[in-house]
C-alpha atoms as a PDB file:
ATOM      1  CA  UNK A   1     -27.475 -32.543  16.687  1.00  0.00           C
ATOM      2  CA  UNK A   2     -30.022 -32.546  13.908  1.00  0.00           C
ATOM      3  CA  UNK A   3     -29.070 -33.215  10.379  1.00  0.00           C
ATOM      4  CA  UNK A   4     -29.588 -30.379   7.735  1.00  0.00           C
ATOM      5  CA  UNK A   5     -32.434 -31.222   5.323  1.00  0.00           C
ATOM      6  CA  UNK A   6     -31.357 -31.506   1.678  1.00  0.00           C
ATOM      7  CA  UNK A   7     -32.860 -29.298  -0.801  1.00  0.00           C
ATOM      8  CA  UNK A   8     -35.309 -31.459  -2.697  1.00  0.00           C
ATOM      9  CA  UNK A   9     -37.276 -28.660  -4.440  1.00  0.00           C
ATOM     10  CA  UNK A  10     -37.100 -29.284  -8.216  1.00  0.00           C
ATOM     11  CA  UNK A  11     -37.605 -25.625  -8.677  1.00  0.00           C
ATOM     12  CA  UNK A  12     -34.403 -24.703  -7.030  1.00  0.00           C
ATOM     13  CA  UNK A  13     -32.452 -22.528  -9.528  1.00  0.00           C
ATOM     14  CA  UNK A  14     -28.610 -22.718  -9.407  1.00  0.00           C
ATOM     15  CA  UNK A  15     -28.270 -19.187 -10.798  1.00  0.00           C
ATOM     16  CA  UNK A  16     -26.811 -16.304  -8.615  1.00  0.00           C
ATOM     17  CA  UNK A  17     -29.279 -13.814  -7.339  1.00  0.00           C
ATOM     18  CA  UNK A  18     -29.313 -10.487  -9.293  1.00  0.00           C
ATOM     19  CA  UNK A  19     -27.400  -8.908  -6.405  1.00  0.00           C
ATOM     20  CA  UNK A  20     -24.513 -11.145  -6.829  1.00  0.00           C
ATOM     21  CA  UNK A  21     -24.189 -10.708 -10.388  1.00  0.00           C
ATOM     22  CA  UNK A  22     -21.044  -8.682 -11.296  1.00  0.00           C
ATOM     23  CA  UNK A  23     -20.631  -6.333 -14.190  1.00  0.00           C
ATOM     24  CA  UNK A  24     -16.883  -6.938 -14.813  1.00  0.00           C
ATOM     25  CA  UNK A  25     -16.663  -3.857 -17.123  1.00  0.00           C
ATOM     26  CA  UNK A  26     -16.897  -1.762 -13.931  1.00  0.00           C
ATOM     27  CA  UNK A  27     -14.550  -3.634 -11.653  1.00  0.00           C
ATOM     28  CA  UNK A  28     -11.514  -1.696 -10.403  1.00  0.00           C
ATOM     29  CA  UNK A  29      -8.186  -3.254  -9.467  1.00  0.00           C
ATOM     30  CA  UNK A  30      -7.354  -3.373  -5.834  1.00  0.00           C
ATOM     31  CA  UNK A  31      -5.151  -0.412  -5.098  1.00  0.00           C
ATOM     32  CA  UNK A  32      -3.294  -2.249  -2.305  1.00  0.00           C
ATOM     33  CA  UNK A  33      -2.226  -5.113  -4.497  1.00  0.00           C
ATOM     34  CA  UNK A  34       1.369  -5.701  -5.151  1.00  0.00           C
ATOM     35  CA  UNK A  35       3.282  -8.792  -6.060  1.00  0.00           C
ATOM     36  CA  UNK A  36       5.338 -10.428  -3.357  1.00  0.00           C
ATOM     37  CA  UNK A  37       3.845  -8.414  -0.657  1.00  0.00           C
ATOM     38  CA  UNK A  38       3.038  -9.713   2.873  1.00  0.00           C
ATOM     39  CA  UNK A  39       0.683  -7.830   4.954  1.00  0.00           C
ATOM     40  CA  UNK A  40       1.165  -8.011   8.764  1.00  0.00           C
ATOM     41  CA  UNK A  41      -1.159  -6.664  11.322  1.00  0.00           C
ATOM     42  CA  UNK A  42       0.432  -4.557  13.986  1.00  0.00           C
ATOM     43  CA  UNK A  43      -1.059  -4.039  17.433  1.00  0.00           C
ATOM     44  CA  UNK A  44      -2.611  -0.885  18.080  1.00  0.00           C
ATOM     45  CA  UNK A  45      -0.149   0.528  20.389  1.00  0.00           C
ATOM     46  CA  UNK A  46       2.719  -0.209  17.898  1.00  0.00           C
ATOM     47  CA  UNK A  47       0.831   1.209  15.009  1.00  0.00           C
ATOM     48  CA  UNK A  48       0.375   4.509  16.886  1.00  0.00           C
ATOM     49  CA  UNK A  49       4.195   4.907  16.821  1.00  0.00           C
ATOM     50  CA  UNK A  50       4.609   4.669  13.124  1.00  0.00           C
ATOM     51  CA  UNK A  51       3.004   6.896  10.512  1.00  0.00           C
ATOM     52  CA  UNK A  52       3.922   4.712   7.450  1.00  0.00           C
ATOM     53  CA  UNK A  53       5.027   1.159   6.166  1.00  0.00           C
ATOM     54  CA  UNK A  54       8.331   2.754   5.150  1.00  0.00           C
ATOM     55  CA  UNK A  55       9.104   3.717   8.789  1.00  0.00           C
ATOM     56  CA  UNK A  56       8.306   0.133   9.982  1.00  0.00           C
ATOM     57  CA  UNK A  57      10.436  -1.397   7.289  1.00  0.00           C
ATOM     58  CA  UNK A  58      13.304   0.996   8.086  1.00  0.00           C
ATOM     59  CA  UNK A  59      13.320   0.095  11.767  1.00  0.00           C
ATOM     60  CA  UNK A  60      12.915  -3.722  11.104  1.00  0.00           C
ATOM     61  CA  UNK A  61      15.716  -3.665   8.706  1.00  0.00           C
ATOM     62  CA  UNK A  62      18.020  -1.858  11.141  1.00  0.00           C
ATOM     63  CA  UNK A  63      17.245  -4.574  13.747  1.00  0.00           C
ATOM     64  CA  UNK A  64      17.907  -7.278  11.344  1.00  0.00           C
ATOM     65  CA  UNK A  65      21.224  -5.876  10.345  1.00  0.00           C
ATOM     66  CA  UNK A  66      22.271  -5.557  14.104  1.00  0.00           C
ATOM     67  CA  UNK A  67      21.470  -9.260  14.704  1.00  0.00           C
ATOM     68  CA  UNK A  68      24.631 -11.519  14.115  1.00  0.00           C
ATOM     69  CA  UNK A  69      24.442 -13.602  10.956  1.00  0.00           C
ATOM     70  CA  UNK A  70      24.765 -16.808  12.961  1.00  0.00           C
ATOM     71  CA  UNK A  71      21.463 -16.174  14.593  1.00  0.00           C
ATOM     72  CA  UNK A  72      19.485 -15.076  11.559  1.00  0.00           C
ATOM     73  CA  UNK A  73      18.426 -17.913   9.285  1.00  0.00           C
ATOM     74  CA  UNK A  74      17.612 -16.375   5.788  1.00  0.00           C
END
């Protein structure tokens, strides 16, 4: 395997390219951000059954309640 050549050009500028400069006055908050939220990817066939995260949570909570407390480690 060849080693990568180090950049030796003295004219190398450490500044970001113009397309990477961000105008923070125009930045919008991520609409999906919530504290203490965990995102889980569902398989496509499972996702087709549920229309919302509320439905998924309802079913998962029902399953958790039906499991004996000795088995569930919380």
